[in-house]
Each structure stands twice: as C-alpha cells, then as structure tokens.
Amino acid sequence: MADARLAVLGSPIDHSQSPALHVAAYRTLGLDWEYGRFEVAEAELASFLDAHDDWAGFSLTMPLKTELVRLADERGWAVDDTARLTGGANTWVNGPVPGVYNTDVHGIEQALREAGANVSRCAVLGSGATAKSAVLAAARLGAQHIEIFARSQHKARTLADFAQSLGARTGTAALGQLQLDDWSTVLSTLPSQVLTEDSLRLPAHCTTAVFEAGYAPGGFSLATAAAERGGTAIPGQRMLIHQAIRQIELFGIARAALTGTFDAETVTSLEKTMTKEAQAL
C-alpha cells in the first residue's frame, strides 16, 4: 500500500491532467504516493471528505473551491491567507487540524511571470472562483487596470469591486464586447465551449498575451487565436504545473516527507518532468 493516498476532486473530472502530473512528480521525488480522481459534486463534498478522512489530501477543481472554504469555516479547519482573501481554495491537507489552501494564485502568477506577460492592462474573462484568483494574481504582479468580462453582470461587478479593493482601476463589460488588442494581457477562466470565433471581434494583429485556465480538448481557443495574430499564448497547463508543485510541498510537509519548501533546483527539475508529461498527454 502506498505511503499516502491523494486525488483530485471535481465535476466534470475525466479530462483532468492532475493525476498524470502528480504521479510523475512523485516518481521524480522518490515518493511512494498514489494519486487518483473522483467525480464529486458541490453538494457531495462534505460527505466525501467525511468518508475519506484517512486520505492525505485532495486537489479540488470546479465547482468545489468556494464550498471548501465554507466547509473549513464551518468545521474550524485552518484557511491560508490567499484562500481567505479569494474565498476559494483548491487544496485540502489532512492533519490533526485539516488545512485548506489556494495555490491557484501562485500558479497563475508563475505562468504569467515565466511568459514575460505585461499585466499593466488586464482583461479577466469569467466571474467564478478561478477568475477571482486571476484578479489577485494580476494585482500582485502590478496590474493597473483590471476589466471584468462575464456573462453575469452582477457577478462581474462583485469581482470588479474586489479588483478595486486591491488598488486597480476597474470596470465590467459583456463577453461580446472584448476587444483583444485593447489589453496587454487577457486571463480567460471560461470553459472552452463558451467563446467562439464568431462571438468576438478579433483583430488582424495584436501583441496581447492570453492565458487560458482551461485545457480540455476541443472548442475555440482564444490563446491560439491571439498567437496566430502575433500575440502570446499561455496554456493552462503552466498554471496547473506550478500550482501542483506548491500542493506537493504542502502535502509533503504535512506528512513529514519534506522538511520544507523545495529549493530552486528541485522546482526546476519538477517543472521539466511535469512539462514533459503534459506534452505527452
């Protein structure tokens, strides 16, 4: 039996690349851990965690991130500062007092930083938990203006208020009003089927960097469209890799398999291993 059992939870979950990336990282680190996946709806999260309270930890994707923080408050679990600020968490770590963490913000920051993205004028597409993490990541990297484009204008205004509280100028607009070349960076947290080429006014040329959190195959890719017009595509796998490395640190420290956070050499080694694995999927 493995030293630790871990998994990713969400709905839908079949497309998740997390199991392959985590297992590749564990192999590199010499950890005898297993990592699977479970289809879990929001209303099922509490009972699932109760039934798996002997597991070492879980990664969580949509639609569970906000519910995890609510559960943490209800049950007295520890909540890290980033999860508290965003109201969403993607990591549950078992222990005498379980802890919940948001590593998405770190993942987005690293993906933007390594791409050399200019975040001075950012458009964020979407208004859910990942969009809120994207807003915080952009603000931490120095975004001066963060515009929220979403289907729900009520949710968009709430997210814009959050951006303003972080010191950014902000506003809201419908998705169809996005002008790609108005923005230095676009952060899309939308499912791949939401946008279509016909629903947007795409320029003949742009220098915009486009990050897409989603990576499920099929559908229109705004990042690819931007790259075809001279911009920069930042795939969601980059965020996934960076946030997963931070999760592995949290799992390892809690189980005393690690004495602290990874050094730069280890991070680089894990990035290379997980990137190679992602390219093979």
C-alpha atoms as a PDB file:
ATOM      1  CA  MET A   1       0.000   0.000   0.000  1.00  0.00           C
ATOM      2  CA  ALA A   2       1.223   3.494  -0.844  1.00  0.00           C
ATOM      3  CA  ASP A   3       2.558   5.753   1.900  1.00  0.00           C
ATOM      4  CA  ALA A   4      -0.080   8.369   1.046  1.00  0.00           C
ATOM      5  CA  ARG A   5      -3.315   8.414  -0.936  1.00  0.00           C
ATOM      6  CA  LEU A   6      -4.272  11.619  -2.726  1.00  0.00           C
ATOM      7  CA  ALA A   7      -6.631  12.572  -5.551  1.00  0.00           C
ATOM      8  CA  VAL A   8      -8.239  15.394  -7.487  1.00  0.00           C
ATOM      9  CA  LEU A   9     -11.953  16.082  -6.954  1.00  0.00           C
ATOM     10  CA  GLY A  10     -14.401  17.926  -9.171  1.00  0.00           C
ATOM     11  CA  SER A  11     -17.171  17.692 -11.715  1.00  0.00           C
ATOM     12  CA  PRO A  12     -16.517  17.044 -14.542  1.00  0.00           C
ATOM     13  CA  ILE A  13     -13.174  15.398 -13.770  1.00  0.00           C
ATOM     14  CA  ASP A  14     -12.407  12.918 -16.570  1.00  0.00           C
ATOM     15  CA  HIS A  15     -10.319  15.473 -18.504  1.00  0.00           C
ATOM     16  CA  SER A  16      -8.069  16.355 -15.545  1.00  0.00           C
ATOM     17  CA  GLN A  17      -4.342  16.056 -16.176  1.00  0.00           C
ATOM     18  CA  SER A  18      -3.556  16.301 -12.464  1.00  0.00           C
ATOM     19  CA  PRO A  19      -3.155  12.546 -11.855  1.00  0.00           C
ATOM     20  CA  ALA A  20      -0.510  12.159 -14.572  1.00  0.00           C
ATOM     21  CA  LEU A  21       1.390  15.272 -13.473  1.00  0.00           C
ATOM     22  CA  HIS A  22       1.336  14.449  -9.765  1.00  0.00           C
ATOM     23  CA  VAL A  23       2.408  10.836 -10.277  1.00  0.00           C
ATOM     24  CA  ALA A  24       5.300  11.978 -12.499  1.00  0.00           C
ATOM     25  CA  ALA A  25       6.400  14.426  -9.800  1.00  0.00           C
ATOM     26  CA  TYR A  26       6.161  11.815  -7.033  1.00  0.00           C
ATOM     27  CA  ARG A  27       8.319   9.480  -9.114  1.00  0.00           C
ATOM     28  CA  THR A  28      10.944  12.204  -9.536  1.00  0.00           C
ATOM     29  CA  LEU A  29      10.940  12.873  -5.791  1.00  0.00           C
ATOM     30  CA  GLY A  30      11.092   9.188  -4.867  1.00  0.00           C
ATOM     31  CA  LEU A  31       7.770   9.335  -3.012  1.00  0.00           C
ATOM     32  CA  ASP A  32       5.618   6.210  -2.744  1.00  0.00           C
ATOM     33  CA  TRP A  33       2.352   8.119  -3.085  1.00  0.00           C
ATOM     34  CA  GLU A  34      -0.694   7.377  -5.222  1.00  0.00           C
ATOM     35  CA  TYR A  35      -2.953   9.975  -6.832  1.00  0.00           C
ATOM     36  CA  GLY A  36      -6.339   9.369  -8.449  1.00  0.00           C
ATOM     37  CA  ARG A  37      -9.518  11.222  -9.336  1.00  0.00           C
ATOM     38  CA  PHE A  38     -13.108  11.299  -8.111  1.00  0.00           C
ATOM     39  CA  GLU A  39     -16.244  12.823  -9.580  1.00  0.00           C
ATOM     40  CA  VAL A  40     -17.633  14.933  -6.721  1.00  0.00           C
ATOM     41  CA  ALA A  41     -20.441  17.494  -6.989  1.00  0.00           C
ATOM     42  CA  GLU A  42     -20.611  20.529  -4.716  1.00  0.00           C
ATOM     43  CA  ALA A  43     -23.396  19.069  -2.566  1.00  0.00           C
ATOM     44  CA  GLU A  44     -21.363  15.867  -2.104  1.00  0.00           C
ATOM     45  CA  LEU A  45     -18.099  17.408  -0.893  1.00  0.00           C
ATOM     46  CA  ALA A  46     -18.748  17.281   2.859  1.00  0.00           C
ATOM     47  CA  SER A  47     -19.843  13.643   2.843  1.00  0.00           C
ATOM     48  CA  PHE A  48     -16.967  12.682   0.534  1.00  0.00           C
ATOM     49  CA  LEU A  49     -14.370  14.203   2.856  1.00  0.00           C
ATOM     50  CA  ASP A  50     -16.007  12.515   5.850  1.00  0.00           C
ATOM     51  CA  ALA A  51     -15.817   9.161   4.078  1.00  0.00           C
ATOM     52  CA  HIS A  52     -12.157   9.675   3.101  1.00  0.00           C
ATOM     53  CA  ASP A  53     -10.771  11.198   6.296  1.00  0.00           C
ATOM     54  CA  ASP A  54      -7.847   8.761   6.251  1.00  0.00           C
ATOM     55  CA  TRP A  55      -6.548  10.145   2.943  1.00  0.00           C
ATOM     56  CA  ALA A  56      -3.562  12.500   2.976  1.00  0.00           C
ATOM     57  CA  GLY A  57      -5.120  15.262   0.914  1.00  0.00           C
ATOM     58  CA  PHE A  58      -7.007  16.358  -2.154  1.00  0.00           C
ATOM     59  CA  SER A  59      -6.736  18.801  -5.015  1.00  0.00           C
ATOM     60  CA  LEU A  60     -10.064  20.416  -5.870  1.00  0.00           C
ATOM     61  CA  THR A  61     -11.318  21.942  -9.075  1.00  0.00           C
ATOM     62  CA  MET A  62     -14.667  23.380 -10.097  1.00  0.00           C
ATOM     63  CA  PRO A  63     -17.268  23.514  -8.666  1.00  0.00           C
ATOM     64  CA  LEU A  64     -15.781  22.828  -5.236  1.00  0.00           C
ATOM     65  CA  LYS A  65     -13.428  25.728  -4.471  1.00  0.00           C
ATOM     66  CA  THR A  66     -15.857  28.080  -2.719  1.00  0.00           C
ATOM     67  CA  GLU A  67     -17.602  25.233  -0.920  1.00  0.00           C
ATOM     68  CA  LEU A  68     -14.278  24.057   0.528  1.00  0.00           C
ATOM     69  CA  VAL A  69     -13.711  27.407   2.251  1.00  0.00           C
ATOM     70  CA  ARG A  70     -17.286  27.394   3.553  1.00  0.00           C
ATOM     71  CA  LEU A  71     -16.747  23.908   4.985  1.00  0.00           C
ATOM     72  CA  ALA A  72     -13.453  24.972   6.537  1.00  0.00           C
ATOM     73  CA  ASP A  73     -15.154  27.805   8.386  1.00  0.00           C
ATOM     74  CA  GLU A  74     -17.976  25.528   9.493  1.00  0.00           C
ATOM     75  CA  ARG A  75     -15.599  22.863  10.836  1.00  0.00           C
ATOM     76  CA  GLY A  76     -12.808  25.018  12.213  1.00  0.00           C
ATOM     77  CA  TRP A  77     -10.151  23.993   9.698  1.00  0.00           C
ATOM     78  CA  ALA A  78      -7.182  26.244   9.001  1.00  0.00           C
ATOM     79  CA  VAL A  79      -7.547  28.550   5.978  1.00  0.00           C
ATOM     80  CA  ASP A  80      -4.497  30.153   4.369  1.00  0.00           C
ATOM     81  CA  ASP A  81      -4.429  33.889   3.668  1.00  0.00           C
ATOM     82  CA  THR A  82      -4.855  33.551  -0.101  1.00  0.00           C
ATOM     83  CA  ALA A  83      -7.870  31.252   0.242  1.00  0.00           C
ATOM     84  CA  ARG A  84      -9.341  33.637   2.792  1.00  0.00           C
ATOM     85  CA  LEU A  85      -8.847  36.646   0.514  1.00  0.00           C
ATOM     86  CA  THR A  86     -10.291  34.979  -2.586  1.00  0.00           C
ATOM     87  CA  GLY A  87     -12.934  32.912  -0.842  1.00  0.00           C
ATOM     88  CA  GLY A  88     -11.818  29.868  -2.805  1.00  0.00           C
ATOM     89  CA  ALA A  89      -9.390  27.001  -2.182  1.00  0.00           C
ATOM     90  CA  ASN A  90      -8.101  24.178  -4.357  1.00  0.00           C
ATOM     91  CA  THR A  91      -6.188  22.128  -1.764  1.00  0.00           C
ATOM     92  CA  TRP A  92      -7.261  20.128   1.311  1.00  0.00           C
ATOM     93  CA  VAL A  93      -4.449  18.805   3.508  1.00  0.00           C
ATOM     94  CA  ASN A  94      -5.257  16.269   6.212  1.00  0.00           C
ATOM     95  CA  GLY A  95      -3.803  16.587   9.704  1.00  0.00           C
ATOM     96  CA  PRO A  96      -4.778  16.992  13.360  1.00  0.00           C
ATOM     97  CA  VAL A  97      -6.423  20.182  12.119  1.00  0.00           C
ATOM     98  CA  PRO A  98      -7.002  19.918   8.358  1.00  0.00           C
ATOM     99  CA  GLY A  99      -5.920  22.905   6.291  1.00  0.00           C
ATOM    100  CA  VAL A 100      -7.257  24.410   3.064  1.00  0.00           C
ATOM    101  CA  TYR A 101      -5.111  26.411   0.681  1.00  0.00           C
ATOM    102  CA  ASN A 102      -5.305  28.342  -2.570  1.00  0.00           C
ATOM    103  CA  THR A 103      -2.350  27.511  -4.824  1.00  0.00           C
ATOM    104  CA  ASP A 104      -4.127  28.733  -7.984  1.00  0.00           C
ATOM    105  CA  VAL A 105      -2.961  32.309  -7.455  1.00  0.00           C
ATOM    106  CA  HIS A 106       0.646  31.162  -7.229  1.00  0.00           C
ATOM    107  CA  GLY A 107       0.179  29.040 -10.350  1.00  0.00           C
ATOM    108  CA  ILE A 108      -1.243  31.913 -12.381  1.00  0.00           C
ATOM    109  CA  GLU A 109       1.443  34.321 -11.165  1.00  0.00           C
ATOM    110  CA  GLN A 110       4.196  31.927 -12.183  1.00  0.00           C
ATOM    111  CA  ALA A 111       2.630  31.221 -15.579  1.00  0.00           C
ATOM    112  CA  LEU A 112       2.410  34.955 -16.338  1.00  0.00           C
ATOM    113  CA  ARG A 113       5.868  35.679 -14.973  1.00  0.00           C
ATOM    114  CA  GLU A 114       7.655  32.983 -16.989  1.00  0.00           C
ATOM    115  CA  ALA A 115       5.890  34.159 -20.173  1.00  0.00           C
ATOM    116  CA  GLY A 116       7.049  37.726 -19.572  1.00  0.00           C
ATOM    117  CA  ALA A 117       3.459  38.966 -19.783  1.00  0.00           C
ATOM    118  CA  ASN A 118       2.828  42.699 -19.437  1.00  0.00           C
ATOM    119  CA  VAL A 119      -0.043  42.859 -16.925  1.00  0.00           C
ATOM    120  CA  SER A 120      -0.477  46.636 -16.815  1.00  0.00           C
ATOM    121  CA  ARG A 121      -3.884  46.400 -18.541  1.00  0.00           C
ATOM    122  CA  CYS A 122      -5.638  43.093 -17.875  1.00  0.00           C
ATOM    123  CA  ALA A 123      -8.954  41.696 -19.008  1.00  0.00           C
ATOM    124  CA  VAL A 124     -10.309  38.826 -16.900  1.00  0.00           C
ATOM    125  CA  LEU A 125     -12.924  36.633 -18.562  1.00  0.00           C
ATOM    126  CA  GLY A 126     -15.308  34.924 -16.152  1.00  0.00           C
ATOM    127  CA  SER A 127     -16.554  35.638 -12.647  1.00  0.00           C
ATOM    128  CA  GLY A 128     -16.103  32.426 -10.669  1.00  0.00           C
ATOM    129  CA  ALA A 129     -13.532  31.251  -8.133  1.00  0.00           C
ATOM    130  CA  THR A 130     -10.698  30.903 -10.653  1.00  0.00           C
ATOM    131  CA  ALA A 131     -11.455  34.376 -12.031  1.00  0.00           C
ATOM    132  CA  LYS A 132     -11.058  35.803  -8.530  1.00  0.00           C
ATOM    133  CA  SER A 133      -7.682  34.064  -8.240  1.00  0.00           C
ATOM    134  CA  ALA A 134      -6.732  35.534 -11.629  1.00  0.00           C
ATOM    135  CA  VAL A 135      -7.623  39.033 -10.425  1.00  0.00           C
ATOM    136  CA  LEU A 136      -5.470  38.622  -7.308  1.00  0.00           C
ATOM    137  CA  ALA A 137      -2.563  37.219  -9.330  1.00  0.00           C
ATOM    138  CA  ALA A 138      -2.717  40.148 -11.758  1.00  0.00           C
ATOM    139  CA  ALA A 139      -2.894  42.666  -8.912  1.00  0.00           C
ATOM    140  CA  ARG A 140       0.092  41.099  -7.158  1.00  0.00           C
ATOM    141  CA  LEU A 141       2.078  41.409 -10.390  1.00  0.00           C
ATOM    142  CA  GLY A 142       1.251  45.108 -10.616  1.00  0.00           C
ATOM    143  CA  ALA A 143      -1.813  45.378 -12.857  1.00  0.00           C
ATOM    144  CA  GLN A 144      -3.028  48.964 -13.011  1.00  0.00           C
ATOM    145  CA  HIS A 145      -6.355  48.269 -14.731  1.00  0.00           C
ATOM    146  CA  ILE A 146      -8.387  45.048 -14.468  1.00  0.00           C
ATOM    147  CA  GLU A 147     -11.572  44.832 -16.538  1.00  0.00           C
ATOM    148  CA  ILE A 148     -14.060  42.018 -15.882  1.00  0.00           C
ATOM    149  CA  PHE A 149     -15.852  40.450 -18.849  1.00  0.00           C
ATOM    150  CA  ALA A 150     -18.581  37.998 -17.851  1.00  0.00           C
ATOM    151  CA  ARG A 151     -21.993  36.639 -18.709  1.00  0.00           C
ATOM    152  CA  SER A 152     -23.406  37.683 -15.331  1.00  0.00           C
ATOM    153  CA  GLN A 153     -23.003  41.414 -14.825  1.00  0.00           C
ATOM    154  CA  HIS A 154     -23.964  41.106 -11.150  1.00  0.00           C
ATOM    155  CA  LYS A 155     -21.074  38.696 -10.539  1.00  0.00           C
ATOM    156  CA  ALA A 156     -18.834  40.840 -12.722  1.00  0.00           C
ATOM    157  CA  ARG A 157     -19.490  43.911 -10.583  1.00  0.00           C
ATOM    158  CA  THR A 158     -18.733  41.947  -7.407  1.00  0.00           C
ATOM    159  CA  LEU A 159     -15.420  40.828  -8.887  1.00  0.00           C
ATOM    160  CA  ALA A 160     -14.679  44.365 -10.085  1.00  0.00           C
ATOM    161  CA  ASP A 161     -15.206  45.613  -6.526  1.00  0.00           C
ATOM    162  CA  PHE A 162     -12.622  43.048  -5.401  1.00  0.00           C
ATOM    163  CA  ALA A 163     -10.157  44.287  -8.036  1.00  0.00           C
ATOM    164  CA  GLN A 164     -10.725  47.863  -6.902  1.00  0.00           C
ATOM    165  CA  SER A 165     -10.078  46.866  -3.280  1.00  0.00           C
ATOM    166  CA  LEU A 166      -6.653  45.650  -4.443  1.00  0.00           C
ATOM    167  CA  GLY A 167      -5.824  49.069  -5.865  1.00  0.00           C
ATOM    168  CA  ALA A 168      -6.599  48.546  -9.550  1.00  0.00           C
ATOM    169  CA  ARG A 169      -8.780  50.682 -11.789  1.00  0.00           C
ATOM    170  CA  THR A 170     -11.609  48.504 -12.977  1.00  0.00           C
ATOM    171  CA  GLY A 171     -14.852  48.130 -14.897  1.00  0.00           C
ATOM    172  CA  THR A 172     -17.189  45.496 -16.309  1.00  0.00           C
ATOM    173  CA  ALA A 173     -18.465  44.519 -19.747  1.00  0.00           C
ATOM    174  CA  ALA A 174     -20.250  41.708 -21.557  1.00  0.00           C
ATOM    175  CA  LEU A 175     -18.100  38.969 -23.087  1.00  0.00           C
ATOM    176  CA  GLY A 176     -19.010  40.001 -26.615  1.00  0.00           C
ATOM    177  CA  GLN A 177     -17.536  43.456 -26.039  1.00  0.00           C
ATOM    178  CA  LEU A 178     -13.983  42.177 -25.623  1.00  0.00           C
ATOM    179  CA  GLN A 179     -11.528  43.869 -27.972  1.00  0.00           C
ATOM    180  CA  LEU A 180      -8.425  41.730 -27.776  1.00  0.00           C
ATOM    181  CA  ASP A 181      -5.957  44.422 -28.787  1.00  0.00           C
ATOM    182  CA  ASP A 182      -7.214  46.816 -26.079  1.00  0.00           C
ATOM    183  CA  TRP A 183      -5.437  44.761 -23.409  1.00  0.00           C
ATOM    184  CA  SER A 184      -1.838  43.866 -22.679  1.00  0.00           C
ATOM    185  CA  THR A 185      -2.931  40.564 -21.106  1.00  0.00           C
ATOM    186  CA  VAL A 186      -6.187  38.612 -21.144  1.00  0.00           C
ATOM    187  CA  LEU A 187      -6.838  35.956 -18.492  1.00  0.00           C
ATOM    188  CA  SER A 188      -9.631  33.604 -19.513  1.00  0.00           C
ATOM    189  CA  THR A 189     -11.135  31.368 -16.850  1.00  0.00           C
ATOM    190  CA  LEU A 190     -14.031  30.288 -19.082  1.00  0.00           C
ATOM    191  CA  PRO A 191     -14.826  26.731 -20.205  1.00  0.00           C
ATOM    192  CA  SER A 192     -13.643  26.138 -23.761  1.00  0.00           C
ATOM    193  CA  GLN A 193     -17.159  25.981 -25.220  1.00  0.00           C
ATOM    194  CA  VAL A 194     -18.231  29.440 -24.018  1.00  0.00           C
ATOM    195  CA  LEU A 195     -16.303  31.544 -26.551  1.00  0.00           C
ATOM    196  CA  THR A 196     -16.456  31.144 -30.318  1.00  0.00           C
ATOM    197  CA  GLU A 197     -14.584  32.966 -33.036  1.00  0.00           C
ATOM    198  CA  ASP A 198     -17.878  34.391 -34.289  1.00  0.00           C
ATOM    199  CA  SER A 199     -18.757  35.819 -30.871  1.00  0.00           C
ATOM    200  CA  LEU A 200     -15.650  38.039 -30.728  1.00  0.00           C
ATOM    201  CA  ARG A 201     -14.226  40.843 -32.822  1.00  0.00           C
ATOM    202  CA  LEU A 202     -10.710  39.580 -33.398  1.00  0.00           C
ATOM    203  CA  PRO A 203      -8.093  41.977 -34.810  1.00  0.00           C
ATOM    204  CA  ALA A 204      -5.846  41.156 -37.737  1.00  0.00           C
ATOM    205  CA  HIS A 205      -2.826  41.741 -35.471  1.00  0.00           C
ATOM    206  CA  CYS A 206      -2.242  42.039 -31.730  1.00  0.00           C
ATOM    207  CA  THR A 207       0.540  41.844 -29.165  1.00  0.00           C
ATOM    208  CA  THR A 208      -1.727  40.603 -26.368  1.00  0.00           C
ATOM    209  CA  ALA A 209      -0.721  37.731 -24.086  1.00  0.00           C
ATOM    210  CA  VAL A 210      -3.645  35.378 -23.465  1.00  0.00           C
ATOM    211  CA  PHE A 211      -3.736  32.951 -20.552  1.00  0.00           C
ATOM    212  CA  GLU A 212      -6.390  30.228 -20.615  1.00  0.00           C
ATOM    213  CA  ALA A 213      -7.020  28.378 -17.365  1.00  0.00           C
ATOM    214  CA  GLY A 214      -8.965  25.632 -19.131  1.00  0.00           C
ATOM    215  CA  TYR A 215      -7.129  22.966 -21.061  1.00  0.00           C
ATOM    216  CA  ALA A 216      -9.851  20.465 -22.039  1.00  0.00           C
ATOM    217  CA  PRO A 217      -9.520  19.494 -25.711  1.00  0.00           C
ATOM    218  CA  GLY A 218     -11.925  20.838 -28.290  1.00  0.00           C
ATOM    219  CA  GLY A 219     -13.605  24.181 -28.684  1.00  0.00           C
ATOM    220  CA  PHE A 220     -12.292  27.587 -29.626  1.00  0.00           C
ATOM    221  CA  SER A 221      -9.003  28.708 -28.070  1.00  0.00           C
ATOM    222  CA  LEU A 222      -8.600  32.443 -27.569  1.00  0.00           C
ATOM    223  CA  ALA A 223      -4.924  31.946 -26.713  1.00  0.00           C
ATOM    224  CA  THR A 224      -4.301  30.165 -30.015  1.00  0.00           C
ATOM    225  CA  ALA A 225      -6.193  32.880 -31.892  1.00  0.00           C
ATOM    226  CA  ALA A 226      -4.032  35.544 -30.234  1.00  0.00           C
ATOM    227  CA  ALA A 227      -0.811  33.680 -31.069  1.00  0.00           C
ATOM    228  CA  GLU A 228      -1.885  33.407 -34.709  1.00  0.00           C
ATOM    229  CA  ARG A 229      -2.184  37.202 -34.766  1.00  0.00           C
ATOM    230  CA  GLY A 230       1.191  37.958 -33.204  1.00  0.00           C
ATOM    231  CA  GLY A 231       0.299  37.663 -29.517  1.00  0.00           C
ATOM    232  CA  THR A 232       1.444  35.179 -26.875  1.00  0.00           C
ATOM    233  CA  ALA A 233      -0.414  32.023 -25.831  1.00  0.00           C
ATOM    234  CA  ILE A 234      -0.045  30.974 -22.189  1.00  0.00           C
ATOM    235  CA  PRO A 235      -1.596  27.497 -21.802  1.00  0.00           C
ATOM    236  CA  GLY A 236      -3.452  26.451 -18.679  1.00  0.00           C
ATOM    237  CA  GLN A 237      -1.026  23.586 -18.144  1.00  0.00           C
ATOM    238  CA  ARG A 238       1.558  26.125 -16.964  1.00  0.00           C
ATOM    239  CA  MET A 239      -0.693  27.188 -14.099  1.00  0.00           C
ATOM    240  CA  LEU A 240      -1.542  23.550 -13.392  1.00  0.00           C
ATOM    241  CA  ILE A 241       2.120  22.600 -13.083  1.00  0.00           C
ATOM    242  CA  HIS A 242       3.063  25.497 -10.813  1.00  0.00           C
ATOM    243  CA  GLN A 243       0.064  25.166  -8.509  1.00  0.00           C
ATOM    244  CA  ALA A 244       0.627  21.393  -8.313  1.00  0.00           C
ATOM    245  CA  ILE A 245       4.247  21.855  -7.219  1.00  0.00           C
ATOM    246  CA  ARG A 246       3.035  24.077  -4.386  1.00  0.00           C
ATOM    247  CA  GLN A 247       0.401  21.457  -3.468  1.00  0.00           C
ATOM    248  CA  ILE A 248       3.043  18.725  -3.327  1.00  0.00           C
ATOM    249  CA  GLU A 249       5.061  20.877  -0.923  1.00  0.00           C
ATOM    250  CA  LEU A 250       2.009  21.234   1.319  1.00  0.00           C
ATOM    251  CA  PHE A 251       1.215  17.509   1.212  1.00  0.00           C
ATOM    252  CA  GLY A 252       4.856  16.591   1.859  1.00  0.00           C
ATOM    253  CA  ILE A 253       5.390  18.982   4.766  1.00  0.00           C
ATOM    254  CA  ALA A 254       2.170  17.784   6.443  1.00  0.00           C
ATOM    255  CA  ARG A 255       3.311  14.159   6.192  1.00  0.00           C
ATOM    256  CA  ALA A 256       6.913  14.952   7.240  1.00  0.00           C
ATOM    257  CA  ALA A 257       8.066  13.627   3.864  1.00  0.00           C
ATOM    258  CA  LEU A 258       9.590  17.063   3.251  1.00  0.00           C
ATOM    259  CA  THR A 259      11.376  19.288   5.736  1.00  0.00           C
ATOM    260  CA  GLY A 260      10.415  22.498   3.962  1.00  0.00           C
ATOM    261  CA  THR A 261       9.655  24.089   0.613  1.00  0.00           C
ATOM    262  CA  PHE A 262      11.561  22.969  -2.465  1.00  0.00           C
ATOM    263  CA  ASP A 263      14.809  24.650  -3.433  1.00  0.00           C
ATOM    264  CA  ALA A 264      15.152  26.213  -6.885  1.00  0.00           C
ATOM    265  CA  GLU A 265      16.923  23.186  -8.348  1.00  0.00           C
ATOM    266  CA  THR A 266      14.136  20.834  -7.278  1.00  0.00           C
ATOM    267  CA  VAL A 267      11.446  23.171  -8.618  1.00  0.00           C
ATOM    268  CA  THR A 268      13.220  23.324 -11.980  1.00  0.00           C
ATOM    269  CA  SER A 269      13.534  19.523 -12.080  1.00  0.00           C
ATOM    270  CA  LEU A 270       9.834  19.075 -11.303  1.00  0.00           C
ATOM    271  CA  GLU A 271       8.837  21.669 -13.897  1.00  0.00           C
ATOM    272  CA  LYS A 272      10.806  19.799 -16.566  1.00  0.00           C
ATOM    273  CA  THR A 273       9.349  16.422 -15.575  1.00  0.00           C
ATOM    274  CA  MET A 274       5.765  17.671 -15.439  1.00  0.00           C
ATOM    275  CA  THR A 275       6.082  19.684 -18.658  1.00  0.00           C
ATOM    276  CA  LYS A 276       7.298  16.584 -20.489  1.00  0.00           C
ATOM    277  CA  GLU A 277       4.395  14.603 -19.052  1.00  0.00           C
ATOM    278  CA  ALA A 278       1.869  17.292 -20.069  1.00  0.00           C
ATOM    279  CA  GLN A 279       3.207  17.340 -23.624  1.00  0.00           C
ATOM    280  CA  ALA A 280       2.697  13.581 -23.863  1.00  0.00           C
ATOM    281  CA  LEU A 281      -0.975  13.750 -22.832  1.00  0.00           C
END
